[in-house]
């Protein structure tokens, strides 16, 4: 089964592929394609006001390929900043995807904020568009704290600054398997896979009738 993940982020694609592989028995062998793999060069404007809206914008655009299409929109929500950077996480410091600049800006904005007030969560919405036009969205979150300095060099995005309450270590020090087990994306991808399986079973039952 081919599934398009509407992203150019190889790190994200690697995480999603690893999680989807848990569902081989129900979904079969999955070939996960990125936008680059599918030869889709156009970018869409993510002008939604929520993670769900932005994810669906990307999923609908990718679905023009005719493939089952997944897209996500994710970010980090810091309570001391009123939930910011939220949907602007990837471009918090101005340029899209500049992890170092984004992390440095977050550290500056939280300078002097005590540990107990540095609560935060990663949040993600995943949208799915099926070839018949059906759609659904799911959401995943994972709770933690923002550290006052980098801890580890693993992961991507804000991972070296995110202390996972589940793992009791930073995502920057977590193995890919540890992170996928508790991460916002891991939880949302599993929900999306379960919903996709349910819909496929329903469609099969209709075809039998």
N, C-alpha and C. Protein backbone atom coordinates (compact mmCIF):
# COMPACT_ATOMS: atom_id res chain seq x y z
N UNK A 1 0.84 -1.19 0.00
CA UNK A 1 0.00 0.00 0.00
C UNK A 1 0.88 1.25 0.00
N UNK A 2 0.57 2.17 -0.92
CA UNK A 2 1.29 3.43 -0.95
C UNK A 2 0.49 4.49 -0.20
N UNK A 3 1.17 5.21 0.67
CA UNK A 3 0.57 6.33 1.39
C UNK A 3 1.47 7.53 1.19
N UNK A 4 0.87 8.65 0.86
CA UNK A 4 1.62 9.90 0.71
C UNK A 4 1.59 10.67 2.02
N UNK A 5 2.75 11.02 2.52
CA UNK A 5 2.86 11.91 3.67
C UNK A 5 3.23 13.28 3.12
N UNK A 6 2.32 14.23 3.25
CA UNK A 6 2.49 15.55 2.62
C UNK A 6 3.50 16.39 3.39
N UNK A 7 4.76 16.03 3.24
CA UNK A 7 5.86 16.75 3.88
C UNK A 7 7.12 16.57 3.05
N UNK A 8 8.08 17.45 3.27
CA UNK A 8 9.42 17.28 2.70
C UNK A 8 10.43 17.00 3.81
N UNK A 9 9.93 16.90 5.04
CA UNK A 9 10.79 16.70 6.21
C UNK A 9 11.12 15.21 6.35
N UNK A 10 12.36 14.85 6.05
CA UNK A 10 12.77 13.45 6.09
C UNK A 10 12.74 12.89 7.50
N UNK A 11 13.06 13.72 8.50
CA UNK A 11 13.01 13.25 9.89
C UNK A 11 11.59 12.85 10.28
N UNK A 12 10.65 13.69 9.89
CA UNK A 12 9.24 13.40 10.19
C UNK A 12 8.78 12.14 9.47
N UNK A 13 9.18 12.01 8.21
CA UNK A 13 8.78 10.84 7.42
C UNK A 13 9.34 9.57 8.03
N UNK A 14 10.56 9.64 8.54
CA UNK A 14 11.19 8.47 9.16
C UNK A 14 10.41 8.05 10.40
N UNK A 15 10.00 9.02 11.21
CA UNK A 15 9.22 8.71 12.41
C UNK A 15 7.89 8.06 12.05
N UNK A 16 7.19 8.66 11.10
CA UNK A 16 5.86 8.17 10.73
C UNK A 16 5.97 6.76 10.14
N UNK A 17 6.96 6.53 9.29
CA UNK A 17 7.13 5.21 8.68
C UNK A 17 7.38 4.15 9.75
N UNK A 18 8.19 4.48 10.75
CA UNK A 18 8.49 3.51 11.81
C UNK A 18 7.22 3.16 12.59
N UNK A 19 6.38 4.15 12.85
CA UNK A 19 5.16 3.90 13.62
C UNK A 19 4.15 3.11 12.79
N UNK A 20 4.00 3.47 11.52
CA UNK A 20 3.04 2.76 10.67
C UNK A 20 3.44 1.30 10.47
N UNK A 21 4.74 1.01 10.57
CA UNK A 21 5.19 -0.37 10.39
C UNK A 21 4.61 -1.31 11.46
N UNK A 22 4.13 -0.73 12.57
CA UNK A 22 3.50 -1.53 13.62
C UNK A 22 2.18 -2.15 13.15
N UNK A 23 1.65 -1.65 12.01
CA UNK A 23 0.32 -2.06 11.56
C UNK A 23 0.38 -2.88 10.27
N UNK A 24 1.52 -3.55 10.03
CA UNK A 24 1.66 -4.36 8.81
C UNK A 24 0.58 -5.44 8.72
N UNK A 25 0.24 -6.04 9.85
CA UNK A 25 -0.74 -7.13 9.82
C UNK A 25 -2.09 -6.66 9.30
N UNK A 26 -2.47 -5.44 9.64
CA UNK A 26 -3.78 -4.93 9.23
C UNK A 26 -3.73 -4.15 7.91
N UNK A 27 -2.63 -3.44 7.67
CA UNK A 27 -2.55 -2.58 6.49
C UNK A 27 -1.68 -3.15 5.38
N UNK A 28 -0.91 -4.19 5.70
CA UNK A 28 0.03 -4.73 4.73
C UNK A 28 1.31 -3.91 4.71
N UNK A 29 2.19 -4.24 3.79
CA UNK A 29 3.45 -3.51 3.67
C UNK A 29 3.16 -2.11 3.13
N UNK A 30 3.67 -1.11 3.85
CA UNK A 30 3.38 0.28 3.49
C UNK A 30 4.61 0.93 2.86
N UNK A 31 4.41 1.56 1.72
CA UNK A 31 5.44 2.39 1.11
C UNK A 31 5.04 3.84 1.36
N UNK A 32 5.78 4.49 2.25
CA UNK A 32 5.45 5.87 2.60
C UNK A 32 6.24 6.81 1.70
N UNK A 33 5.52 7.63 0.96
CA UNK A 33 6.13 8.58 0.04
C UNK A 33 6.04 9.99 0.60
N UNK A 34 7.09 10.77 0.40
CA UNK A 34 7.03 12.20 0.72
C UNK A 34 6.63 12.96 -0.54
N UNK A 35 6.42 14.25 -0.40
CA UNK A 35 6.10 15.08 -1.56
C UNK A 35 7.20 15.01 -2.61
N UNK A 36 8.44 15.00 -2.15
CA UNK A 36 9.56 14.91 -3.09
C UNK A 36 9.56 13.57 -3.81
N UNK A 37 9.28 12.49 -3.07
CA UNK A 37 9.22 11.17 -3.68
C UNK A 37 8.15 11.11 -4.77
N UNK A 38 7.04 11.81 -4.53
CA UNK A 38 5.91 11.78 -5.46
C UNK A 38 6.05 12.80 -6.58
N UNK A 39 7.14 13.58 -6.56
CA UNK A 39 7.36 14.57 -7.59
C UNK A 39 6.45 15.79 -7.49
N UNK A 40 5.93 16.05 -6.29
CA UNK A 40 5.06 17.22 -6.08
C UNK A 40 5.93 18.38 -5.63
N UNK A 41 6.03 19.39 -6.48
CA UNK A 41 6.96 20.49 -6.21
C UNK A 41 6.28 21.72 -5.63
N UNK A 42 4.97 21.82 -5.79
CA UNK A 42 4.26 23.01 -5.32
C UNK A 42 4.07 22.96 -3.80
N UNK A 43 4.25 24.11 -3.16
CA UNK A 43 3.96 24.24 -1.74
C UNK A 43 2.63 24.95 -1.56
N UNK A 44 1.94 24.64 -0.49
CA UNK A 44 0.67 25.29 -0.22
C UNK A 44 0.84 26.27 0.93
N UNK A 45 -0.02 27.26 0.95
CA UNK A 45 0.02 28.25 2.03
C UNK A 45 -0.74 27.70 3.24
N UNK A 46 -0.03 27.57 4.34
CA UNK A 46 -0.65 27.08 5.57
C UNK A 46 -1.25 28.28 6.30
N UNK A 47 -2.46 28.65 5.89
CA UNK A 47 -3.08 29.84 6.45
C UNK A 47 -4.23 29.53 7.40
N UNK A 48 -4.25 28.32 7.93
CA UNK A 48 -5.27 27.97 8.91
C UNK A 48 -4.96 28.58 10.27
N UNK A 49 -5.94 28.54 11.14
CA UNK A 49 -5.75 29.11 12.49
C UNK A 49 -5.57 28.04 13.55
N UNK A 50 -5.61 26.76 13.13
CA UNK A 50 -5.41 25.65 14.07
C UNK A 50 -4.52 24.61 13.41
N UNK A 51 -3.98 23.69 14.22
CA UNK A 51 -3.21 22.59 13.67
C UNK A 51 -4.07 21.77 12.70
N UNK A 52 -5.33 21.53 13.08
CA UNK A 52 -6.22 20.73 12.24
C UNK A 52 -6.44 21.37 10.88
N UNK A 53 -6.67 22.68 10.86
CA UNK A 53 -6.91 23.35 9.59
C UNK A 53 -5.68 23.29 8.69
N UNK A 54 -4.52 23.54 9.25
CA UNK A 54 -3.30 23.50 8.44
C UNK A 54 -3.01 22.09 7.93
N UNK A 55 -3.23 21.09 8.78
CA UNK A 55 -3.00 19.71 8.36
C UNK A 55 -3.92 19.34 7.20
N UNK A 56 -5.19 19.76 7.28
CA UNK A 56 -6.14 19.42 6.22
C UNK A 56 -5.81 20.15 4.92
N UNK A 57 -5.34 21.38 5.01
CA UNK A 57 -4.92 22.11 3.81
C UNK A 57 -3.85 21.31 3.07
N UNK A 58 -2.87 20.83 3.81
CA UNK A 58 -1.76 20.09 3.20
C UNK A 58 -2.24 18.73 2.69
N UNK A 59 -3.11 18.08 3.44
CA UNK A 59 -3.59 16.76 3.02
C UNK A 59 -4.43 16.85 1.75
N UNK A 60 -5.29 17.84 1.66
CA UNK A 60 -6.13 17.99 0.46
C UNK A 60 -5.27 18.27 -0.77
N UNK A 61 -4.24 19.07 -0.58
CA UNK A 61 -3.35 19.37 -1.72
C UNK A 61 -2.63 18.11 -2.17
N UNK A 62 -2.12 17.32 -1.22
CA UNK A 62 -1.41 16.10 -1.57
C UNK A 62 -2.31 15.05 -2.18
N UNK A 63 -3.59 15.06 -1.80
CA UNK A 63 -4.53 14.05 -2.26
C UNK A 63 -4.79 14.13 -3.76
N UNK A 64 -4.36 15.22 -4.39
CA UNK A 64 -4.47 15.31 -5.85
C UNK A 64 -3.66 14.21 -6.53
N UNK A 65 -2.75 13.59 -5.79
CA UNK A 65 -1.95 12.49 -6.31
C UNK A 65 -2.78 11.23 -6.52
N UNK A 66 -3.95 11.17 -5.89
CA UNK A 66 -4.78 9.98 -5.98
C UNK A 66 -4.47 8.95 -4.92
N UNK A 67 -3.48 9.23 -4.09
CA UNK A 67 -3.08 8.30 -3.03
C UNK A 67 -3.77 8.64 -1.71
N UNK A 68 -3.89 7.65 -0.83
CA UNK A 68 -4.23 7.96 0.55
C UNK A 68 -3.19 8.96 1.04
N UNK A 69 -3.64 10.08 1.57
CA UNK A 69 -2.71 11.13 1.95
C UNK A 69 -2.85 11.51 3.41
N UNK A 70 -1.72 11.52 4.10
CA UNK A 70 -1.65 11.99 5.47
C UNK A 70 -0.85 13.29 5.49
N UNK A 71 -1.26 14.20 6.36
CA UNK A 71 -0.48 15.42 6.57
C UNK A 71 -0.61 15.79 8.03
N UNK A 72 0.44 16.36 8.56
CA UNK A 72 0.35 16.79 9.95
C UNK A 72 0.75 18.25 10.08
N UNK A 73 0.29 18.84 11.14
CA UNK A 73 0.77 20.16 11.54
C UNK A 73 0.99 20.08 13.04
N UNK A 74 2.17 20.47 13.45
CA UNK A 74 2.52 20.27 14.85
C UNK A 74 3.30 21.46 15.38
N UNK A 75 3.42 21.50 16.68
CA UNK A 75 4.19 22.57 17.30
C UNK A 75 4.27 22.35 18.80
N UNK A 76 4.90 23.31 19.43
CA UNK A 76 5.06 23.24 20.87
C UNK A 76 4.26 24.39 21.49
N UNK A 77 3.55 24.08 22.54
CA UNK A 77 2.71 25.07 23.24
C UNK A 77 3.29 25.29 24.64
N UNK A 78 3.75 26.49 24.89
CA UNK A 78 4.41 26.80 26.16
C UNK A 78 3.46 27.64 27.00
N UNK A 79 3.11 27.13 28.17
CA UNK A 79 2.10 27.79 28.99
C UNK A 79 2.50 29.19 29.42
N UNK A 80 3.78 29.39 29.74
CA UNK A 80 4.24 30.71 30.18
C UNK A 80 4.17 31.75 29.06
N UNK A 81 4.04 31.27 27.81
CA UNK A 81 3.94 32.17 26.66
C UNK A 81 2.52 32.18 26.10
N UNK A 82 1.57 31.76 26.91
CA UNK A 82 0.17 31.77 26.48
C UNK A 82 -0.13 30.78 25.39
N UNK A 83 0.65 29.70 25.33
CA UNK A 83 0.44 28.69 24.30
C UNK A 83 1.30 28.87 23.06
N UNK A 84 2.04 29.96 22.99
CA UNK A 84 2.95 30.18 21.87
C UNK A 84 4.15 29.24 22.01
N UNK A 85 4.84 28.98 20.91
CA UNK A 85 4.59 29.44 19.54
C UNK A 85 3.47 28.72 18.80
N UNK A 86 3.00 27.59 19.29
CA UNK A 86 1.84 26.93 18.69
C UNK A 86 2.01 26.65 17.21
N UNK A 87 1.04 27.09 16.39
CA UNK A 87 1.08 26.80 14.96
C UNK A 87 2.23 27.51 14.26
N UNK A 88 2.87 28.44 14.94
CA UNK A 88 4.01 29.15 14.35
C UNK A 88 5.36 28.56 14.79
N UNK A 89 5.34 27.39 15.37
CA UNK A 89 6.56 26.80 15.95
C UNK A 89 7.70 26.67 14.95
N UNK A 90 7.40 26.25 13.73
CA UNK A 90 8.46 26.02 12.75
C UNK A 90 9.08 27.32 12.26
N UNK A 91 8.35 28.42 12.39
CA UNK A 91 8.87 29.71 11.94
C UNK A 91 8.86 30.74 13.07
N UNK A 92 9.05 30.26 14.28
CA UNK A 92 9.01 31.09 15.48
C UNK A 92 9.98 32.26 15.38
N UNK A 93 11.18 31.99 14.89
CA UNK A 93 12.22 33.03 14.81
C UNK A 93 12.23 33.76 13.47
N UNK A 94 11.30 33.41 12.59
CA UNK A 94 11.21 34.11 11.31
C UNK A 94 11.35 33.21 10.11
N UNK A 95 12.46 32.49 10.01
CA UNK A 95 12.68 31.59 8.88
C UNK A 95 12.10 30.21 9.18
N UNK A 96 11.46 29.61 8.19
CA UNK A 96 10.82 28.31 8.40
C UNK A 96 11.87 27.22 8.59
N UNK A 97 11.72 26.45 9.66
CA UNK A 97 12.55 25.28 9.87
C UNK A 97 13.95 25.54 10.40
N UNK A 98 14.20 26.74 10.92
CA UNK A 98 15.53 27.04 11.48
C UNK A 98 15.51 26.65 12.96
N UNK A 99 15.80 25.37 13.23
CA UNK A 99 15.69 24.84 14.59
C UNK A 99 16.53 25.61 15.59
N UNK A 100 17.76 25.92 15.23
CA UNK A 100 18.66 26.60 16.16
C UNK A 100 18.11 27.97 16.54
N UNK A 101 17.68 28.74 15.55
CA UNK A 101 17.15 30.07 15.84
C UNK A 101 15.87 29.98 16.67
N UNK A 102 15.01 29.02 16.36
CA UNK A 102 13.77 28.85 17.11
C UNK A 102 14.06 28.50 18.57
N UNK A 103 15.00 27.60 18.78
CA UNK A 103 15.34 27.20 20.15
C UNK A 103 15.97 28.35 20.93
N UNK A 104 16.83 29.10 20.28
CA UNK A 104 17.48 30.23 20.95
C UNK A 104 16.45 31.29 21.34
N UNK A 105 15.49 31.53 20.47
CA UNK A 105 14.44 32.51 20.79
C UNK A 105 13.60 32.02 21.96
N UNK A 106 13.27 30.74 21.97
CA UNK A 106 12.48 30.19 23.08
C UNK A 106 13.23 30.33 24.40
N UNK A 107 14.52 30.05 24.39
CA UNK A 107 15.32 30.19 25.61
C UNK A 107 15.33 31.63 26.09
N UNK A 108 15.45 32.57 25.17
CA UNK A 108 15.47 34.00 25.56
C UNK A 108 14.13 34.41 26.16
N UNK A 109 13.05 33.98 25.55
CA UNK A 109 11.73 34.37 26.04
C UNK A 109 11.41 33.78 27.42
N UNK A 110 12.06 32.65 27.74
CA UNK A 110 11.80 31.99 29.03
C UNK A 110 12.90 32.27 30.05
N UNK A 111 13.81 33.15 29.70
CA UNK A 111 14.90 33.46 30.63
C UNK A 111 14.34 33.97 31.96
N UNK A 112 14.75 33.36 33.06
CA UNK A 112 14.30 33.78 34.38
C UNK A 112 13.00 33.14 34.83
N UNK A 113 12.33 32.40 33.95
CA UNK A 113 11.08 31.72 34.31
C UNK A 113 11.43 30.46 35.10
N UNK A 114 10.90 30.29 36.31
CA UNK A 114 11.25 29.11 37.13
C UNK A 114 10.75 27.81 36.52
N UNK A 115 11.37 26.72 36.93
CA UNK A 115 11.07 25.40 36.38
C UNK A 115 9.59 25.07 36.44
N UNK A 116 8.95 25.35 37.56
CA UNK A 116 7.55 24.94 37.74
C UNK A 116 6.60 25.67 36.79
N UNK A 117 7.07 26.77 36.19
CA UNK A 117 6.23 27.52 35.26
C UNK A 117 6.65 27.32 33.80
N UNK A 118 7.53 26.34 33.56
CA UNK A 118 8.02 26.10 32.21
C UNK A 118 7.29 24.91 31.57
N UNK A 119 6.07 24.68 32.00
CA UNK A 119 5.28 23.56 31.46
C UNK A 119 4.95 23.80 29.99
N UNK A 120 4.91 22.70 29.26
CA UNK A 120 4.66 22.80 27.81
C UNK A 120 4.21 21.45 27.29
N UNK A 121 3.76 21.46 26.07
CA UNK A 121 3.39 20.20 25.42
C UNK A 121 3.66 20.32 23.93
N UNK A 122 4.01 19.20 23.36
CA UNK A 122 4.00 19.06 21.92
C UNK A 122 2.59 18.67 21.52
N UNK A 123 2.08 19.26 20.46
CA UNK A 123 0.75 18.90 19.95
C UNK A 123 0.83 18.72 18.45
N UNK A 124 0.03 17.81 17.94
CA UNK A 124 -0.01 17.58 16.50
C UNK A 124 -1.42 17.18 16.08
N UNK A 125 -1.81 17.64 14.92
CA UNK A 125 -3.03 17.16 14.28
C UNK A 125 -2.62 16.46 13.00
N UNK A 126 -3.20 15.31 12.75
CA UNK A 126 -2.98 14.59 11.51
C UNK A 126 -4.29 14.54 10.75
N UNK A 127 -4.24 14.95 9.50
CA UNK A 127 -5.40 14.89 8.62
C UNK A 127 -5.18 13.80 7.59
N UNK A 128 -6.24 13.10 7.25
CA UNK A 128 -6.18 12.06 6.24
C UNK A 128 -7.25 12.32 5.19
N UNK A 129 -6.85 12.23 3.94
CA UNK A 129 -7.81 12.31 2.82
C UNK A 129 -7.69 11.01 2.04
N UNK A 130 -8.80 10.32 1.90
CA UNK A 130 -8.85 9.05 1.18
C UNK A 130 -9.17 9.29 -0.30
N UNK A 131 -8.84 8.35 -1.17
CA UNK A 131 -9.08 8.54 -2.60
C UNK A 131 -10.54 8.82 -2.95
N UNK A 132 -11.48 8.34 -2.12
CA UNK A 132 -12.90 8.59 -2.41
C UNK A 132 -13.36 9.95 -1.87
N UNK A 133 -12.44 10.72 -1.29
CA UNK A 133 -12.78 12.05 -0.81
C UNK A 133 -13.11 12.13 0.66
N UNK A 134 -13.26 10.97 1.31
CA UNK A 134 -13.52 10.99 2.76
C UNK A 134 -12.32 11.55 3.50
N UNK A 135 -12.60 12.23 4.61
CA UNK A 135 -11.53 12.84 5.40
C UNK A 135 -11.75 12.58 6.89
N UNK A 136 -10.66 12.66 7.64
CA UNK A 136 -10.77 12.67 9.09
C UNK A 136 -9.51 13.30 9.66
N UNK A 137 -9.60 13.74 10.90
CA UNK A 137 -8.45 14.28 11.61
C UNK A 137 -8.36 13.66 13.00
N UNK A 138 -7.14 13.57 13.50
CA UNK A 138 -6.90 13.11 14.87
C UNK A 138 -5.86 14.03 15.49
N UNK A 139 -5.77 13.99 16.81
CA UNK A 139 -4.82 14.86 17.52
C UNK A 139 -4.06 14.04 18.55
N UNK A 140 -2.80 14.40 18.75
CA UNK A 140 -1.98 13.78 19.77
C UNK A 140 -1.19 14.83 20.52
N UNK A 141 -0.97 14.60 21.82
CA UNK A 141 -0.17 15.52 22.63
C UNK A 141 0.75 14.73 23.54
N UNK A 142 1.80 15.40 24.00
CA UNK A 142 2.67 14.82 25.02
C UNK A 142 3.18 15.95 25.90
N UNK A 143 3.13 15.74 27.20
CA UNK A 143 3.42 16.80 28.17
C UNK A 143 4.89 16.81 28.59
N UNK A 144 5.36 18.01 28.94
CA UNK A 144 6.73 18.12 29.40
C UNK A 144 7.05 19.49 29.96
N UNK A 145 8.35 19.77 30.07
CA UNK A 145 8.86 21.05 30.55
C UNK A 145 9.91 21.54 29.57
N UNK A 146 10.06 22.86 29.49
CA UNK A 146 11.13 23.43 28.68
C UNK A 146 12.35 23.64 29.56
N UNK A 147 13.46 23.01 29.17
CA UNK A 147 14.70 23.14 29.92
C UNK A 147 15.31 24.52 29.73
N UNK A 148 16.27 24.87 30.58
CA UNK A 148 16.91 26.17 30.43
C UNK A 148 18.22 26.08 29.66
N UNK A 149 18.54 24.87 29.14
CA UNK A 149 19.71 24.70 28.29
C UNK A 149 19.53 23.42 27.49
N UNK A 150 20.31 23.26 26.45
CA UNK A 150 20.20 22.08 25.61
C UNK A 150 20.60 20.82 26.36
N UNK A 151 19.88 19.73 26.08
CA UNK A 151 20.19 18.44 26.70
C UNK A 151 20.09 17.37 25.62
N UNK A 152 21.21 16.99 25.07
CA UNK A 152 21.22 15.98 24.02
C UNK A 152 21.15 16.61 22.64
N UNK A 153 21.50 15.83 21.64
CA UNK A 153 21.52 16.32 20.26
C UNK A 153 20.64 15.48 19.34
N UNK A 154 19.82 14.61 19.91
CA UNK A 154 18.95 13.78 19.10
C UNK A 154 17.67 14.49 18.71
N UNK A 155 16.88 13.81 17.90
CA UNK A 155 15.60 14.37 17.47
C UNK A 155 15.76 15.56 16.57
N UNK A 156 14.75 16.41 16.57
CA UNK A 156 14.78 17.63 15.76
C UNK A 156 13.80 18.63 16.35
N UNK A 157 13.74 19.81 15.78
CA UNK A 157 12.85 20.83 16.32
C UNK A 157 13.30 21.25 17.71
N UNK A 158 12.36 21.24 18.65
CA UNK A 158 12.63 21.68 20.02
C UNK A 158 13.05 20.52 20.93
N UNK A 159 13.32 19.36 20.36
CA UNK A 159 13.58 18.16 21.17
C UNK A 159 14.68 18.33 22.22
N UNK A 160 15.81 19.00 21.92
CA UNK A 160 16.86 19.12 22.95
C UNK A 160 16.46 19.98 24.14
N UNK A 161 15.37 20.73 24.01
CA UNK A 161 14.90 21.58 25.11
C UNK A 161 13.66 21.00 25.80
N UNK A 162 13.13 19.91 25.28
CA UNK A 162 11.86 19.37 25.79
C UNK A 162 12.11 18.18 26.70
N UNK A 163 11.81 18.37 27.98
CA UNK A 163 11.93 17.31 28.98
C UNK A 163 10.60 16.56 29.03
N UNK A 164 10.61 15.30 28.63
CA UNK A 164 9.40 14.49 28.59
C UNK A 164 9.04 13.98 29.97
N UNK A 165 7.82 14.27 30.41
CA UNK A 165 7.36 13.75 31.69
C UNK A 165 7.19 12.24 31.64
N UNK A 166 6.85 11.70 30.47
CA UNK A 166 6.70 10.25 30.33
C UNK A 166 8.03 9.53 30.46
N UNK A 167 9.05 10.06 29.80
CA UNK A 167 10.34 9.38 29.76
C UNK A 167 11.29 9.80 30.88
N UNK A 168 11.00 10.96 31.49
CA UNK A 168 11.91 11.53 32.49
C UNK A 168 13.31 11.74 31.90
N UNK A 169 13.32 12.19 30.68
CA UNK A 169 14.54 12.59 30.00
C UNK A 169 14.13 13.50 28.83
N UNK A 170 15.09 14.22 28.30
CA UNK A 170 14.76 15.08 27.17
C UNK A 170 14.58 14.25 25.91
N UNK A 171 13.78 14.77 24.99
CA UNK A 171 13.66 14.10 23.69
C UNK A 171 14.99 14.13 22.96
N UNK A 172 15.86 15.07 23.33
CA UNK A 172 17.18 15.13 22.72
C UNK A 172 18.06 13.96 23.10
N UNK A 173 17.74 13.29 24.20
CA UNK A 173 18.51 12.12 24.65
C UNK A 173 17.76 10.81 24.44
N UNK A 174 16.51 10.89 24.04
CA UNK A 174 15.71 9.68 23.84
C UNK A 174 16.10 8.98 22.55
N UNK A 175 16.01 7.65 22.56
CA UNK A 175 16.20 6.91 21.32
C UNK A 175 14.96 7.12 20.45
N UNK A 176 15.07 6.87 19.15
CA UNK A 176 13.88 6.99 18.30
C UNK A 176 12.73 6.13 18.79
N UNK A 177 13.04 4.93 19.28
CA UNK A 177 11.99 4.03 19.77
C UNK A 177 11.32 4.58 21.02
N UNK A 178 12.13 5.14 21.93
CA UNK A 178 11.56 5.74 23.14
C UNK A 178 10.66 6.92 22.79
N UNK A 179 11.16 7.78 21.94
CA UNK A 179 10.38 8.96 21.57
C UNK A 179 9.08 8.57 20.88
N UNK A 180 9.16 7.66 19.91
CA UNK A 180 7.96 7.25 19.17
C UNK A 180 6.91 6.62 20.08
N UNK A 181 7.37 6.03 21.19
CA UNK A 181 6.43 5.38 22.10
C UNK A 181 5.55 6.36 22.85
N UNK A 182 6.01 7.58 23.05
CA UNK A 182 5.24 8.53 23.88
C UNK A 182 5.00 9.87 23.20
N UNK A 183 5.56 10.08 22.02
CA UNK A 183 5.49 11.40 21.41
C UNK A 183 4.09 11.75 20.92
N UNK A 184 3.85 13.01 20.74
CA UNK A 184 2.59 13.50 20.18
C UNK A 184 2.34 12.88 18.81
N UNK A 185 3.39 12.82 17.99
CA UNK A 185 3.22 12.26 16.64
C UNK A 185 2.97 10.76 16.71
N UNK A 186 3.68 10.07 17.60
CA UNK A 186 3.45 8.64 17.75
C UNK A 186 2.01 8.34 18.12
N UNK A 187 1.49 9.10 19.07
CA UNK A 187 0.12 8.87 19.52
C UNK A 187 -0.88 9.19 18.40
N UNK A 188 -0.65 10.28 17.66
CA UNK A 188 -1.58 10.66 16.61
C UNK A 188 -1.51 9.70 15.42
N UNK A 189 -0.33 9.26 15.05
CA UNK A 189 -0.20 8.32 13.93
C UNK A 189 -0.92 7.02 14.26
N UNK A 190 -0.81 6.56 15.50
CA UNK A 190 -1.50 5.33 15.90
C UNK A 190 -3.02 5.50 15.83
N UNK A 191 -3.50 6.67 16.24
CA UNK A 191 -4.93 6.93 16.12
C UNK A 191 -5.36 6.96 14.66
N UNK A 192 -4.53 7.60 13.82
CA UNK A 192 -4.85 7.68 12.39
C UNK A 192 -4.84 6.30 11.75
N UNK A 193 -3.86 5.47 12.11
CA UNK A 193 -3.79 4.11 11.57
C UNK A 193 -5.01 3.30 11.98
N UNK A 194 -5.41 3.43 13.23
CA UNK A 194 -6.59 2.69 13.71
C UNK A 194 -7.84 3.13 12.98
N UNK A 195 -7.98 4.43 12.74
CA UNK A 195 -9.15 4.94 12.03
C UNK A 195 -9.13 4.50 10.57
N UNK A 196 -7.95 4.50 9.97
CA UNK A 196 -7.82 4.06 8.58
C UNK A 196 -8.20 2.58 8.46
N UNK A 197 -7.75 1.77 9.40
CA UNK A 197 -8.10 0.34 9.40
C UNK A 197 -9.61 0.17 9.53
N UNK A 198 -10.22 0.93 10.44
CA UNK A 198 -11.67 0.83 10.64
C UNK A 198 -12.43 1.17 9.37
N UNK A 199 -12.00 2.22 8.69
CA UNK A 199 -12.70 2.63 7.47
C UNK A 199 -12.49 1.63 6.34
N UNK A 200 -11.32 1.04 6.27
CA UNK A 200 -11.07 0.04 5.24
C UNK A 200 -11.92 -1.20 5.48
N UNK A 201 -12.07 -1.59 6.75
CA UNK A 201 -12.90 -2.75 7.08
C UNK A 201 -14.36 -2.47 6.73
N UNK A 202 -14.81 -1.26 7.02
CA UNK A 202 -16.19 -0.88 6.69
C UNK A 202 -16.42 -0.92 5.19
N UNK A 203 -15.43 -0.42 4.43
CA UNK A 203 -15.55 -0.43 2.97
C UNK A 203 -15.58 -1.86 2.43
N UNK A 204 -14.77 -2.72 3.00
CA UNK A 204 -14.75 -4.13 2.58
C UNK A 204 -16.10 -4.79 2.85
N UNK A 205 -16.69 -4.47 4.01
CA UNK A 205 -17.99 -5.04 4.35
C UNK A 205 -19.06 -4.57 3.37
N UNK A 206 -18.98 -3.31 2.96
CA UNK A 206 -19.96 -2.79 1.98
C UNK A 206 -19.78 -3.50 0.64
N UNK A 207 -18.53 -3.74 0.25
CA UNK A 207 -18.28 -4.38 -1.03
C UNK A 207 -18.80 -5.82 -1.05
N UNK A 208 -18.69 -6.49 0.12
CA UNK A 208 -19.18 -7.87 0.21
C UNK A 208 -20.70 -7.91 0.05
N UNK A 209 -21.38 -6.92 0.66
CA UNK A 209 -22.85 -6.87 0.55
C UNK A 209 -23.29 -6.53 -0.87
